[in-house]
Amino acid sequence: MSQNKHQFSRIIGTGGYLPEKVLTNHDLEKMVDTSDAWIRERTGIEQRHIAAENQTTADLAEQAARQALNAASLTPEAIELIVVATTTPDKIFPSTACLLQQRLGNHGAPAFDVQAVCSGFIYALSVADQFIRTGAVNNALVVGAETLSRIIDWSDRNTCVLFGDGAGAVVLAASDEPGVINTHIHADGQYETLLHVPSGVSKKPVTDSLSERSMHMRGSEVFKVAVNTLSQVATETLEKNHIHPSDLDWLVPHQANKRIIDATGRKLKLKPEQVVVTVNKHANTSAASVPLALNEAVRDGRIQPGHLVLMEAFGGGFTWGSALVRM
């Protein structure tokens, strides 16, 4: 396809999927030394969804993808690019995107994973947006999917209360008018050990050691960097687009912690009802959190065509990013 400099990408369908099993704070009280009141006060989380033993990240991704494709009135065969953001792939290889492609019955489209942990969906959206802007493809399926429960030490009360499983998806299509106005993505690897899983492939192959294959987080330090960084990337995005915070219709933030979400909303002088919050029901689903929150607000009628939406996320790496989108 020839390059069209006036081509933009637009979100034409959203989807989401949450596993059936719900784990409440009261359930966690029976597992570790914590309390419903403490979890709610510190994080705003009330419950999280947990994948069944036989459910994989690709299973979750498929459900969200099919819903987004239905909303976009596109067949899987018509998709020209598949990008999956995940930090919990089914296998070392093939990529979860290739496994998803197989299930959808798509043959030939490029398919690959993006790993930026909680910022993964913003990164993946940015990548797919560039493919469409350059005219390389006419549409793309972008999915954020996670089974974080697989890398949680359920005896560690500092982390097990925070995370959940799920998947969210969007379909992008070429447009003459900007839908995805622009994206801003960043990283700083110096913070590696503040939020990480020690094991991997080349350094410490995954062992039976629960500590080596589980998430480790220095919560208070991560919190401080996250609050500052999310405020900065929101301000950067608005300034580069000459947009005043009052021009925004919605903030769809990464759903990690209600206090971080509230702090960002206050910085942008947004009304609480302009901020999409799902952390209470979903907990932190990493790369799935932003598309899940977007899908929920689209499907319940809050986010309407024409609305200006700021999406943002922050994750291990550290990585962070934002996307300014006209729906």
C-alpha atoms as a PDB file:
ATOM      1  CA  MET A   1       0.000   0.000   0.000  1.00  0.00           C
ATOM      2  CA  SER A   2       1.351   3.455  -0.820  1.00  0.00           C
ATOM      3  CA  GLN A   3       2.114   5.811   2.001  1.00  0.00           C
ATOM      4  CA  ASN A   4      -0.560   8.353   2.810  1.00  0.00           C
ATOM      5  CA  LYS A   5       0.737  11.207   4.942  1.00  0.00           C
ATOM      6  CA  HIS A   6      -2.786  12.232   5.852  1.00  0.00           C
ATOM      7  CA  GLN A   7      -3.694   8.841   7.271  1.00  0.00           C
ATOM      8  CA  PHE A   8      -4.469   8.455  10.959  1.00  0.00           C
ATOM      9  CA  SER A   9      -5.696   5.577  13.112  1.00  0.00           C
ATOM     10  CA  ARG A  10      -9.007   5.507  14.936  1.00  0.00           C
ATOM     11  CA  ILE A  11     -10.457   3.113  17.511  1.00  0.00           C
ATOM     12  CA  ILE A  12     -13.468   1.466  15.893  1.00  0.00           C
ATOM     13  CA  GLY A  13     -14.156  -1.276  18.439  1.00  0.00           C
ATOM     14  CA  THR A  14     -13.348  -2.215  22.030  1.00  0.00           C
ATOM     15  CA  GLY A  15     -13.554  -5.479  23.953  1.00  0.00           C
ATOM     16  CA  GLY A  16     -12.803  -6.925  27.356  1.00  0.00           C
ATOM     17  CA  TYR A  17     -12.815 -10.179  29.268  1.00  0.00           C
ATOM     18  CA  LEU A  18     -12.522 -11.059  32.951  1.00  0.00           C
ATOM     19  CA  PRO A  19     -12.220 -14.628  34.263  1.00  0.00           C
ATOM     20  CA  GLU A  20     -15.239 -15.959  36.157  1.00  0.00           C
ATOM     21  CA  LYS A  21     -13.488 -16.553  39.484  1.00  0.00           C
ATOM     22  CA  VAL A  22     -13.639 -13.555  41.815  1.00  0.00           C
ATOM     23  CA  LEU A  23     -11.287 -13.274  44.801  1.00  0.00           C
ATOM     24  CA  THR A  24     -12.498 -10.719  47.338  1.00  0.00           C
ATOM     25  CA  ASN A  25     -10.544  -8.960  50.071  1.00  0.00           C
ATOM     26  CA  HIS A  26     -12.427 -11.109  52.581  1.00  0.00           C
ATOM     27  CA  ASP A  27     -11.129 -14.193  50.794  1.00  0.00           C
ATOM     28  CA  LEU A  28      -7.588 -12.838  51.121  1.00  0.00           C
ATOM     29  CA  GLU A  29      -8.090 -12.271  54.844  1.00  0.00           C
ATOM     30  CA  LYS A  30      -8.202 -16.062  55.171  1.00  0.00           C
ATOM     31  CA  MET A  31      -4.965 -16.461  53.197  1.00  0.00           C
ATOM     32  CA  VAL A  32      -2.615 -13.776  54.541  1.00  0.00           C
ATOM     33  CA  ASP A  33      -2.366 -11.322  57.425  1.00  0.00           C
ATOM     34  CA  THR A  34      -4.389  -8.467  55.937  1.00  0.00           C
ATOM     35  CA  SER A  35      -7.834  -6.922  56.167  1.00  0.00           C
ATOM     36  CA  ASP A  36     -10.504  -5.679  53.804  1.00  0.00           C
ATOM     37  CA  ALA A  37     -10.358  -2.236  55.443  1.00  0.00           C
ATOM     38  CA  TRP A  38      -6.569  -1.977  55.052  1.00  0.00           C
ATOM     39  CA  ILE A  39      -6.645  -3.004  51.359  1.00  0.00           C
ATOM     40  CA  ARG A  40      -9.478  -0.596  50.535  1.00  0.00           C
ATOM     41  CA  GLU A  41      -7.858   2.304  52.369  1.00  0.00           C
ATOM     42  CA  ARG A  42      -4.422   1.843  50.785  1.00  0.00           C
ATOM     43  CA  THR A  43      -5.410   0.789  47.274  1.00  0.00           C
ATOM     44  CA  GLY A  44      -9.149   1.165  46.667  1.00  0.00           C
ATOM     45  CA  ILE A  45      -9.302  -2.511  45.654  1.00  0.00           C
ATOM     46  CA  GLU A  46     -12.290  -4.625  46.749  1.00  0.00           C
ATOM     47  CA  GLN A  47     -11.890  -7.700  44.548  1.00  0.00           C
ATOM     48  CA  ARG A  48      -9.968  -9.152  41.616  1.00  0.00           C
ATOM     49  CA  HIS A  49     -10.611 -11.790  38.929  1.00  0.00           C
ATOM     50  CA  ILE A  50      -8.406 -14.895  38.807  1.00  0.00           C
ATOM     51  CA  ALA A  51      -7.923 -17.125  35.771  1.00  0.00           C
ATOM     52  CA  ALA A  52      -8.992 -20.750  36.144  1.00  0.00           C
ATOM     53  CA  GLU A  53      -6.232 -23.351  36.363  1.00  0.00           C
ATOM     54  CA  ASN A  54      -6.634 -24.284  32.706  1.00  0.00           C
ATOM     55  CA  GLN A  55      -7.001 -20.694  31.443  1.00  0.00           C
ATOM     56  CA  THR A  56      -4.036 -19.006  29.771  1.00  0.00           C
ATOM     57  CA  THR A  57      -3.266 -15.457  28.686  1.00  0.00           C
ATOM     58  CA  ALA A  58      -4.169 -16.412  25.093  1.00  0.00           C
ATOM     59  CA  ASP A  59      -7.581 -17.642  26.298  1.00  0.00           C
ATOM     60  CA  LEU A  60      -8.300 -14.274  27.884  1.00  0.00           C
ATOM     61  CA  ALA A  61      -6.916 -12.391  24.882  1.00  0.00           C
ATOM     62  CA  GLU A  62      -9.132 -14.332  22.481  1.00  0.00           C
ATOM     63  CA  GLN A  63     -12.325 -13.436  24.335  1.00  0.00           C
ATOM     64  CA  ALA A  64     -11.458  -9.720  24.457  1.00  0.00           C
ATOM     65  CA  ALA A  65     -10.308  -9.738  20.819  1.00  0.00           C
ATOM     66  CA  ARG A  66     -13.496 -11.353  19.527  1.00  0.00           C
ATOM     67  CA  GLN A  67     -15.625  -8.804  21.385  1.00  0.00           C
ATOM     68  CA  ALA A  68     -13.597  -5.920  19.907  1.00  0.00           C
ATOM     69  CA  LEU A  69     -13.799  -7.409  16.406  1.00  0.00           C
ATOM     70  CA  ASN A  70     -17.565  -7.784  16.731  1.00  0.00           C
ATOM     71  CA  ALA A  71     -17.861  -4.157  17.843  1.00  0.00           C
ATOM     72  CA  ALA A  72     -15.764  -3.097  14.845  1.00  0.00           C
ATOM     73  CA  SER A  73     -17.783  -5.318  12.449  1.00  0.00           C
ATOM     74  CA  LEU A  74     -14.547  -6.880  11.216  1.00  0.00           C
ATOM     75  CA  THR A  75     -13.808 -10.540  10.602  1.00  0.00           C
ATOM     76  CA  PRO A  76     -10.579 -11.959  12.068  1.00  0.00           C
ATOM     77  CA  GLU A  77      -9.379 -12.706   8.531  1.00  0.00           C
ATOM     78  CA  ALA A  78      -9.519  -8.992   7.691  1.00  0.00           C
ATOM     79  CA  ILE A  79      -7.059  -7.985  10.427  1.00  0.00           C
ATOM     80  CA  GLU A  80      -3.706  -6.841   8.989  1.00  0.00           C
ATOM     81  CA  LEU A  81      -1.662  -6.570  12.221  1.00  0.00           C
ATOM     82  CA  ILE A  82      -1.895  -8.185  15.675  1.00  0.00           C
ATOM     83  CA  VAL A  83      -0.005  -6.712  18.640  1.00  0.00           C
ATOM     84  CA  VAL A  84      -0.400  -8.261  22.098  1.00  0.00           C
ATOM     85  CA  ALA A  85       0.913  -6.530  25.193  1.00  0.00           C
ATOM     86  CA  THR A  86       1.664  -9.030  27.958  1.00  0.00           C
ATOM     87  CA  THR A  87       4.195  -9.792  30.646  1.00  0.00           C
ATOM     88  CA  THR A  88       2.718 -13.252  31.255  1.00  0.00           C
ATOM     89  CA  PRO A  89       2.935 -15.047  27.876  1.00  0.00           C
ATOM     90  CA  ASP A  90       1.652 -18.593  27.438  1.00  0.00           C
ATOM     91  CA  LYS A  91       5.069 -19.784  26.271  1.00  0.00           C
ATOM     92  CA  ILE A  92       8.618 -18.518  25.828  1.00  0.00           C
ATOM     93  CA  PHE A  93       7.750 -18.804  22.142  1.00  0.00           C
ATOM     94  CA  PRO A  94       5.740 -18.598  19.949  1.00  0.00           C
ATOM     95  CA  SER A  95       4.462 -15.183  20.978  1.00  0.00           C
ATOM     96  CA  THR A  96       1.025 -14.918  22.536  1.00  0.00           C
ATOM     97  CA  ALA A  97       0.088 -12.825  19.485  1.00  0.00           C
ATOM     98  CA  CYS A  98       0.822 -15.805  17.213  1.00  0.00           C
ATOM     99  CA  LEU A  99      -1.202 -18.092  19.486  1.00  0.00           C
ATOM    100  CA  LEU A 100      -4.072 -15.598  19.360  1.00  0.00           C
ATOM    101  CA  GLN A 101      -3.761 -15.344  15.586  1.00  0.00           C
ATOM    102  CA  GLN A 102      -4.037 -19.131  15.303  1.00  0.00           C
ATOM    103  CA  ARG A 103      -7.223 -19.164  17.369  1.00  0.00           C
ATOM    104  CA  LEU A 104      -8.792 -16.355  15.403  1.00  0.00           C
ATOM    105  CA  GLY A 105      -8.045 -18.102  12.107  1.00  0.00           C
ATOM    106  CA  ASN A 106      -6.013 -15.220  10.723  1.00  0.00           C
ATOM    107  CA  HIS A 107      -3.219 -16.225   8.334  1.00  0.00           C
ATOM    108  CA  GLY A 108      -0.367 -14.009   7.202  1.00  0.00           C
ATOM    109  CA  ALA A 109      -0.738 -10.804   9.210  1.00  0.00           C
ATOM    110  CA  PRO A 110       2.335  -9.823  11.241  1.00  0.00           C
ATOM    111  CA  ALA A 111       1.782 -10.783  14.883  1.00  0.00           C
ATOM    112  CA  PHE A 112       4.065 -10.055  17.825  1.00  0.00           C
ATOM    113  CA  ASP A 113       4.143  -9.306  21.547  1.00  0.00           C
ATOM    114  CA  VAL A 114       5.168  -6.095  23.268  1.00  0.00           C
ATOM    115  CA  GLN A 115       6.602  -6.281  26.793  1.00  0.00           C
ATOM    116  CA  ALA A 116       6.337  -3.070  28.807  1.00  0.00           C
ATOM    117  CA  VAL A 117       4.496  -4.559  31.795  1.00  0.00           C
ATOM    118  CA  CYS A 118       1.706  -2.203  32.967  1.00  0.00           C
ATOM    119  CA  SER A 119       2.457   0.303  30.186  1.00  0.00           C
ATOM    120  CA  GLY A 120       2.245  -2.480  27.607  1.00  0.00           C
ATOM    121  CA  PHE A 121      -1.091  -1.493  26.088  1.00  0.00           C
ATOM    122  CA  ILE A 122       0.005   2.129  25.581  1.00  0.00           C
ATOM    123  CA  TYR A 123       3.231   0.879  23.970  1.00  0.00           C
ATOM    124  CA  ALA A 124       1.318  -1.567  21.746  1.00  0.00           C
ATOM    125  CA  LEU A 125      -1.201   1.104  20.746  1.00  0.00           C
ATOM    126  CA  SER A 126       1.694   3.413  19.863  1.00  0.00           C
ATOM    127  CA  VAL A 127       3.313   0.739  17.682  1.00  0.00           C
ATOM    128  CA  ALA A 128       0.073  -0.107  15.853  1.00  0.00           C
ATOM    129  CA  ASP A 129      -0.697   3.586  15.364  1.00  0.00           C
ATOM    130  CA  GLN A 130       2.662   4.068  13.611  1.00  0.00           C
ATOM    131  CA  PHE A 131       1.994   1.119  11.287  1.00  0.00           C
ATOM    132  CA  ILE A 132      -1.292   2.681  10.202  1.00  0.00           C
ATOM    133  CA  ARG A 133       0.083   6.229   9.935  1.00  0.00           C
ATOM    134  CA  THR A 134       2.832   5.091   7.574  1.00  0.00           C
ATOM    135  CA  GLY A 135       0.332   3.238   5.410  1.00  0.00           C
ATOM    136  CA  ALA A 136       1.872  -0.169   6.120  1.00  0.00           C
ATOM    137  CA  VAL A 137      -1.501  -1.553   7.228  1.00  0.00           C
ATOM    138  CA  ASN A 138      -5.130  -0.419   7.163  1.00  0.00           C
ATOM    139  CA  ASN A 139      -6.150  -1.870  10.502  1.00  0.00           C
ATOM    140  CA  ALA A 140      -4.774  -3.503  13.636  1.00  0.00           C
ATOM    141  CA  LEU A 141      -5.906  -5.563  16.595  1.00  0.00           C
ATOM    142  CA  VAL A 142      -4.248  -4.381  19.827  1.00  0.00           C
ATOM    143  CA  VAL A 143      -4.675  -6.494  22.965  1.00  0.00           C
ATOM    144  CA  GLY A 144      -3.491  -6.177  26.550  1.00  0.00           C
ATOM    145  CA  ALA A 145      -3.797  -9.525  28.362  1.00  0.00           C
ATOM    146  CA  GLU A 146      -2.395 -10.877  31.618  1.00  0.00           C
ATOM    147  CA  THR A 147      -2.536 -13.823  33.990  1.00  0.00           C
ATOM    148  CA  LEU A 148      -0.604 -12.094  36.770  1.00  0.00           C
ATOM    149  CA  SER A 149      -1.903 -14.641  39.274  1.00  0.00           C
ATOM    150  CA  ARG A 150       0.762 -16.992  37.846  1.00  0.00           C
ATOM    151  CA  ILE A 151       3.611 -14.763  39.082  1.00  0.00           C
ATOM    152  CA  ILE A 152       2.169 -13.897  42.487  1.00  0.00           C
ATOM    153  CA  ASP A 153       3.379 -15.280  45.803  1.00  0.00           C
ATOM    154  CA  TRP A 154       0.029 -15.681  47.516  1.00  0.00           C
ATOM    155  CA  SER A 155       1.743 -15.649  50.916  1.00  0.00           C
ATOM    156  CA  ASP A 156       3.224 -12.183  50.293  1.00  0.00           C
ATOM    157  CA  ARG A 157       0.646  -9.746  51.591  1.00  0.00           C
ATOM    158  CA  ASN A 158       2.450  -6.764  50.046  1.00  0.00           C
ATOM    159  CA  THR A 159       1.823  -7.941  46.475  1.00  0.00           C
ATOM    160  CA  CYS A 160      -0.944 -10.543  46.433  1.00  0.00           C
ATOM    161  CA  VAL A 161      -3.653  -8.001  47.296  1.00  0.00           C
ATOM    162  CA  LEU A 162      -2.814  -5.774  44.335  1.00  0.00           C
ATOM    163  CA  PHE A 163      -3.147  -7.831  41.171  1.00  0.00           C
ATOM    164  CA  GLY A 164      -5.686  -9.636  39.029  1.00  0.00           C
ATOM    165  CA  ASP A 165      -6.166 -11.273  35.624  1.00  0.00           C
ATOM    166  CA  GLY A 166      -7.971 -10.010  32.531  1.00  0.00           C
ATOM    167  CA  ALA A 167      -7.758  -8.850  28.940  1.00  0.00           C
ATOM    168  CA  GLY A 168      -8.801  -5.777  26.981  1.00  0.00           C
ATOM    169  CA  ALA A 169      -8.651  -5.072  23.258  1.00  0.00           C
ATOM    170  CA  VAL A 170      -9.193  -2.401  20.633  1.00  0.00           C
ATOM    171  CA  VAL A 171      -9.412  -2.481  16.853  1.00  0.00           C
ATOM    172  CA  LEU A 172      -7.713   0.403  15.050  1.00  0.00           C
ATOM    173  CA  ALA A 173      -8.558   1.406  11.500  1.00  0.00           C
ATOM    174  CA  ALA A 174      -7.178   3.958   9.072  1.00  0.00           C
ATOM    175  CA  SER A 175      -9.005   7.288   9.084  1.00  0.00           C
ATOM    176  CA  ASP A 176      -8.765  10.720   7.448  1.00  0.00           C
ATOM    177  CA  GLU A 177      -9.392  12.313  10.852  1.00  0.00           C
ATOM    178  CA  PRO A 178      -7.092  11.729  13.825  1.00  0.00           C
ATOM    179  CA  GLY A 179      -8.514   9.287  16.355  1.00  0.00           C
ATOM    180  CA  VAL A 180      -5.222   8.491  18.058  1.00  0.00           C
ATOM    181  CA  ILE A 181      -3.920  12.072  18.093  1.00  0.00           C
ATOM    182  CA  ASN A 182      -0.539  10.998  19.425  1.00  0.00           C
ATOM    183  CA  THR A 183       1.232   8.774  21.920  1.00  0.00           C
ATOM    184  CA  HIS A 184       4.149   9.401  24.251  1.00  0.00           C
ATOM    185  CA  ILE A 185       6.146   6.449  25.575  1.00  0.00           C
ATOM    186  CA  HIS A 186       9.174   6.433  27.882  1.00  0.00           C
ATOM    187  CA  ALA A 187      11.327   4.126  30.014  1.00  0.00           C
ATOM    188  CA  ASP A 188      14.115   4.306  32.577  1.00  0.00           C
ATOM    189  CA  GLY A 189      15.792   0.997  33.348  1.00  0.00           C
ATOM    190  CA  GLN A 190      17.678   2.279  36.391  1.00  0.00           C
ATOM    191  CA  TYR A 191      14.654   1.355  38.526  1.00  0.00           C
ATOM    192  CA  GLU A 192      14.839  -2.348  37.595  1.00  0.00           C
ATOM    193  CA  THR A 193      14.841  -3.780  41.119  1.00  0.00           C
ATOM    194  CA  LEU A 194      11.993  -1.684  42.522  1.00  0.00           C
ATOM    195  CA  LEU A 195       9.465  -3.827  40.656  1.00  0.00           C
ATOM    196  CA  HIS A 196      10.548  -7.067  39.008  1.00  0.00           C
ATOM    197  CA  VAL A 197      10.470 -10.858  38.795  1.00  0.00           C
ATOM    198  CA  PRO A 198      14.013 -12.199  39.447  1.00  0.00           C
ATOM    199  CA  SER A 199      13.873 -15.259  37.199  1.00  0.00           C
ATOM    200  CA  GLY A 200      13.804 -15.401  33.413  1.00  0.00           C
ATOM    201  CA  VAL A 201      15.469 -17.383  30.649  1.00  0.00           C
ATOM    202  CA  SER A 202      19.116 -16.397  30.264  1.00  0.00           C
ATOM    203  CA  LYS A 203      19.880 -15.082  33.758  1.00  0.00           C
ATOM    204  CA  LYS A 204      18.037 -17.315  36.183  1.00  0.00           C
ATOM    205  CA  PRO A 205      15.948 -19.926  34.397  1.00  0.00           C
ATOM    206  CA  VAL A 206      12.605 -20.420  36.104  1.00  0.00           C
ATOM    207  CA  THR A 207      12.953 -22.820  39.016  1.00  0.00           C
ATOM    208  CA  ASP A 208      10.683 -24.277  41.665  1.00  0.00           C
ATOM    209  CA  SER A 209      11.691 -21.391  43.943  1.00  0.00           C
ATOM    210  CA  LEU A 210       8.510 -19.390  44.519  1.00  0.00           C
ATOM    211  CA  SER A 211      10.515 -16.284  45.402  1.00  0.00           C
ATOM    212  CA  GLU A 212      12.524 -16.416  42.160  1.00  0.00           C
ATOM    213  CA  ARG A 213       9.451 -16.678  39.926  1.00  0.00           C
ATOM    214  CA  SER A 214       7.209 -14.214  41.765  1.00  0.00           C
ATOM    215  CA  MET A 215       6.820 -10.479  41.616  1.00  0.00           C
ATOM    216  CA  HIS A 216       8.859  -8.331  44.014  1.00  0.00           C
ATOM    217  CA  MET A 217       7.889  -4.733  44.676  1.00  0.00           C
ATOM    218  CA  ARG A 218       9.174  -1.947  46.896  1.00  0.00           C
ATOM    219  CA  GLY A 219       5.760  -0.374  47.155  1.00  0.00           C
ATOM    220  CA  SER A 220       6.369   3.028  48.704  1.00  0.00           C
ATOM    221  CA  GLU A 221       9.231   3.808  46.323  1.00  0.00           C
ATOM    222  CA  VAL A 222       7.233   2.705  43.291  1.00  0.00           C
ATOM    223  CA  PHE A 223       4.280   4.810  44.482  1.00  0.00           C
ATOM    224  CA  LYS A 224       6.348   8.005  44.663  1.00  0.00           C
ATOM    225  CA  VAL A 225       7.873   7.611  41.205  1.00  0.00           C
ATOM    226  CA  ALA A 226       4.519   6.615  39.691  1.00  0.00           C
ATOM    227  CA  VAL A 227       2.655   9.673  41.008  1.00  0.00           C
ATOM    228  CA  ASN A 228       5.294  12.088  39.722  1.00  0.00           C
ATOM    229  CA  THR A 229       5.801  10.341  36.403  1.00  0.00           C
ATOM    230  CA  LEU A 230       2.108  10.022  35.527  1.00  0.00           C
ATOM    231  CA  SER A 231       1.527  13.700  36.270  1.00  0.00           C
ATOM    232  CA  GLN A 232       4.499  14.615  34.088  1.00  0.00           C
ATOM    233  CA  VAL A 233       3.441  12.508  31.105  1.00  0.00           C
ATOM    234  CA  ALA A 234      -0.111  13.857  31.314  1.00  0.00           C
ATOM    235  CA  THR A 235       1.193  17.429  31.332  1.00  0.00           C
ATOM    236  CA  GLU A 236       3.635  16.654  28.489  1.00  0.00           C
ATOM    237  CA  THR A 237       0.835  15.222  26.348  1.00  0.00           C
ATOM    238  CA  LEU A 238      -1.478  18.179  26.862  1.00  0.00           C
ATOM    239  CA  GLU A 239       1.227  20.792  26.320  1.00  0.00           C
ATOM    240  CA  LYS A 240       2.492  19.204  23.089  1.00  0.00           C
ATOM    241  CA  ASN A 241      -1.053  19.228  21.740  1.00  0.00           C
ATOM    242  CA  HIS A 242      -1.864  22.730  23.053  1.00  0.00           C
ATOM    243  CA  ILE A 243      -4.781  21.292  24.968  1.00  0.00           C
ATOM    244  CA  HIS A 244      -6.024  22.571  28.304  1.00  0.00           C
ATOM    245  CA  PRO A 245      -7.055  19.961  30.888  1.00  0.00           C
ATOM    246  CA  SER A 246     -10.574  21.389  30.718  1.00  0.00           C
ATOM    247  CA  ASP A 247     -10.727  20.225  27.070  1.00  0.00           C
ATOM    248  CA  LEU A 248     -10.520  16.590  28.197  1.00  0.00           C
ATOM    249  CA  ASP A 249     -13.703  14.584  28.492  1.00  0.00           C
ATOM    250  CA  TRP A 250     -12.137  11.558  30.190  1.00  0.00           C
ATOM    251  CA  LEU A 251      -9.031  10.277  31.895  1.00  0.00           C
ATOM    252  CA  VAL A 252      -8.592   6.505  31.536  1.00  0.00           C
ATOM    253  CA  PRO A 253      -5.607   5.751  33.778  1.00  0.00           C
ATOM    254  CA  HIS A 254      -3.750   2.571  34.559  1.00  0.00           C
ATOM    255  CA  GLN A 255      -5.680   0.893  37.371  1.00  0.00           C
ATOM    256  CA  ALA A 256      -2.948   0.266  39.935  1.00  0.00           C
ATOM    257  CA  ASN A 257      -3.991   2.223  42.990  1.00  0.00           C
ATOM    258  CA  LYS A 258      -6.928   4.541  43.691  1.00  0.00           C
ATOM    259  CA  ARG A 259      -4.650   7.040  45.434  1.00  0.00           C
ATOM    260  CA  ILE A 260      -2.411   7.365  42.362  1.00  0.00           C
ATOM    261  CA  ILE A 261      -5.473   7.727  40.122  1.00  0.00           C
ATOM    262  CA  ASP A 262      -6.954  10.422  42.391  1.00  0.00           C
ATOM    263  CA  ALA A 263      -3.654  12.321  42.529  1.00  0.00           C
ATOM    264  CA  THR A 264      -3.406  12.391  38.732  1.00  0.00           C
ATOM    265  CA  GLY A 265      -7.018  13.501  38.371  1.00  0.00           C
ATOM    266  CA  ARG A 266      -6.461  16.347  40.835  1.00  0.00           C
ATOM    267  CA  LYS A 267      -3.314  17.467  39.006  1.00  0.00           C
ATOM    268  CA  LEU A 268      -5.369  17.755  35.812  1.00  0.00           C
ATOM    269  CA  LYS A 269      -8.182  19.507  37.722  1.00  0.00           C
ATOM    270  CA  LEU A 270     -10.667  16.928  36.457  1.00  0.00           C
ATOM    271  CA  LYS A 271     -13.920  16.170  38.228  1.00  0.00           C
ATOM    272  CA  PRO A 272     -13.912  12.715  39.866  1.00  0.00           C
ATOM    273  CA  GLU A 273     -16.723  11.660  37.529  1.00  0.00           C
ATOM    274  CA  GLN A 274     -14.436  12.323  34.520  1.00  0.00           C
ATOM    275  CA  VAL A 275     -11.971   9.674  35.682  1.00  0.00           C
ATOM    276  CA  VAL A 276     -12.715   6.059  34.746  1.00  0.00           C
ATOM    277  CA  VAL A 277     -12.041   3.826  37.755  1.00  0.00           C
ATOM    278  CA  THR A 278     -12.187   0.025  37.676  1.00  0.00           C
ATOM    279  CA  VAL A 279      -9.403  -0.777  40.152  1.00  0.00           C
ATOM    280  CA  ASN A 280     -12.000  -1.508  42.848  1.00  0.00           C
ATOM    281  CA  LYS A 281     -13.392  -4.426  40.809  1.00  0.00           C
ATOM    282  CA  HIS A 282     -10.425  -5.494  38.667  1.00  0.00           C
ATOM    283  CA  ALA A 283      -7.349  -4.658  40.811  1.00  0.00           C
ATOM    284  CA  ASN A 284      -4.151  -4.131  38.793  1.00  0.00           C
ATOM    285  CA  THR A 285      -4.328  -6.212  35.604  1.00  0.00           C
ATOM    286  CA  SER A 286      -1.087  -4.731  34.189  1.00  0.00           C
ATOM    287  CA  ALA A 287      -1.259  -4.393  30.381  1.00  0.00           C
ATOM    288  CA  ALA A 288      -4.978  -5.238  30.452  1.00  0.00           C
ATOM    289  CA  SER A 289      -6.002  -2.465  32.834  1.00  0.00           C
ATOM    290  CA  VAL A 290      -6.288   0.513  30.462  1.00  0.00           C
ATOM    291  CA  PRO A 291      -8.160  -1.305  27.651  1.00  0.00           C
ATOM    292  CA  LEU A 292     -10.450  -2.994  30.201  1.00  0.00           C
ATOM    293  CA  ALA A 293     -11.313   0.388  31.743  1.00  0.00           C
ATOM    294  CA  LEU A 294     -11.792   1.949  28.295  1.00  0.00           C
ATOM    295  CA  ASN A 295     -14.055  -0.894  27.194  1.00  0.00           C
ATOM    296  CA  GLU A 296     -16.191  -0.651  30.324  1.00  0.00           C
ATOM    297  CA  ALA A 297     -16.734   3.106  29.894  1.00  0.00           C
ATOM    298  CA  VAL A 298     -17.513   2.705  26.187  1.00  0.00           C
ATOM    299  CA  ARG A 299     -19.992  -0.091  26.793  1.00  0.00           C
ATOM    300  CA  ASP A 300     -21.840   1.595  29.659  1.00  0.00           C
ATOM    301  CA  GLY A 301     -22.273   4.698  27.509  1.00  0.00           C
ATOM    302  CA  ARG A 302     -20.015   7.115  29.373  1.00  0.00           C
ATOM    303  CA  ILE A 303     -17.428   7.464  26.611  1.00  0.00           C
ATOM    304  CA  GLN A 304     -19.167   8.586  23.431  1.00  0.00           C
ATOM    305  CA  PRO A 305     -17.979   9.151  19.843  1.00  0.00           C
ATOM    306  CA  GLY A 306     -16.189  12.502  19.642  1.00  0.00           C
ATOM    307  CA  HIS A 307     -15.049  12.497  23.268  1.00  0.00           C
ATOM    308  CA  LEU A 308     -11.421  13.419  23.977  1.00  0.00           C
ATOM    309  CA  VAL A 309      -9.757  10.754  26.127  1.00  0.00           C
ATOM    310  CA  LEU A 310      -6.347  10.696  27.802  1.00  0.00           C
ATOM    311  CA  MET A 311      -5.021   7.209  28.567  1.00  0.00           C
ATOM    312  CA  GLU A 312      -1.877   6.736  30.645  1.00  0.00           C
ATOM    313  CA  ALA A 313       0.055   3.991  32.381  1.00  0.00           C
ATOM    314  CA  PHE A 314       3.140   3.281  34.468  1.00  0.00           C
ATOM    315  CA  GLY A 315       4.865  -0.071  34.961  1.00  0.00           C
ATOM    316  CA  GLY A 316       7.946  -2.055  35.853  1.00  0.00           C
ATOM    317  CA  GLY A 317      11.090  -1.142  33.994  1.00  0.00           C
ATOM    318  CA  PHE A 318      10.171   1.567  34.744  1.00  0.00           C
ATOM    319  CA  THR A 319       8.041   2.247  31.675  1.00  0.00           C
ATOM    320  CA  TRP A 320       5.370   4.871  31.250  1.00  0.00           C
ATOM    321  CA  GLY A 321       3.294   6.360  28.493  1.00  0.00           C
ATOM    322  CA  SER A 322       0.164   8.147  27.383  1.00  0.00           C
ATOM    323  CA  ALA A 323      -2.197   8.259  24.444  1.00  0.00           C
ATOM    324  CA  LEU A 324      -4.468  11.155  23.526  1.00  0.00           C
ATOM    325  CA  VAL A 325      -7.438   9.787  21.609  1.00  0.00           C
ATOM    326  CA  ARG A 326     -10.520  11.277  19.982  1.00  0.00           C
ATOM    327  CA  MET A 327     -13.131   8.529  20.083  1.00  0.00           C
END
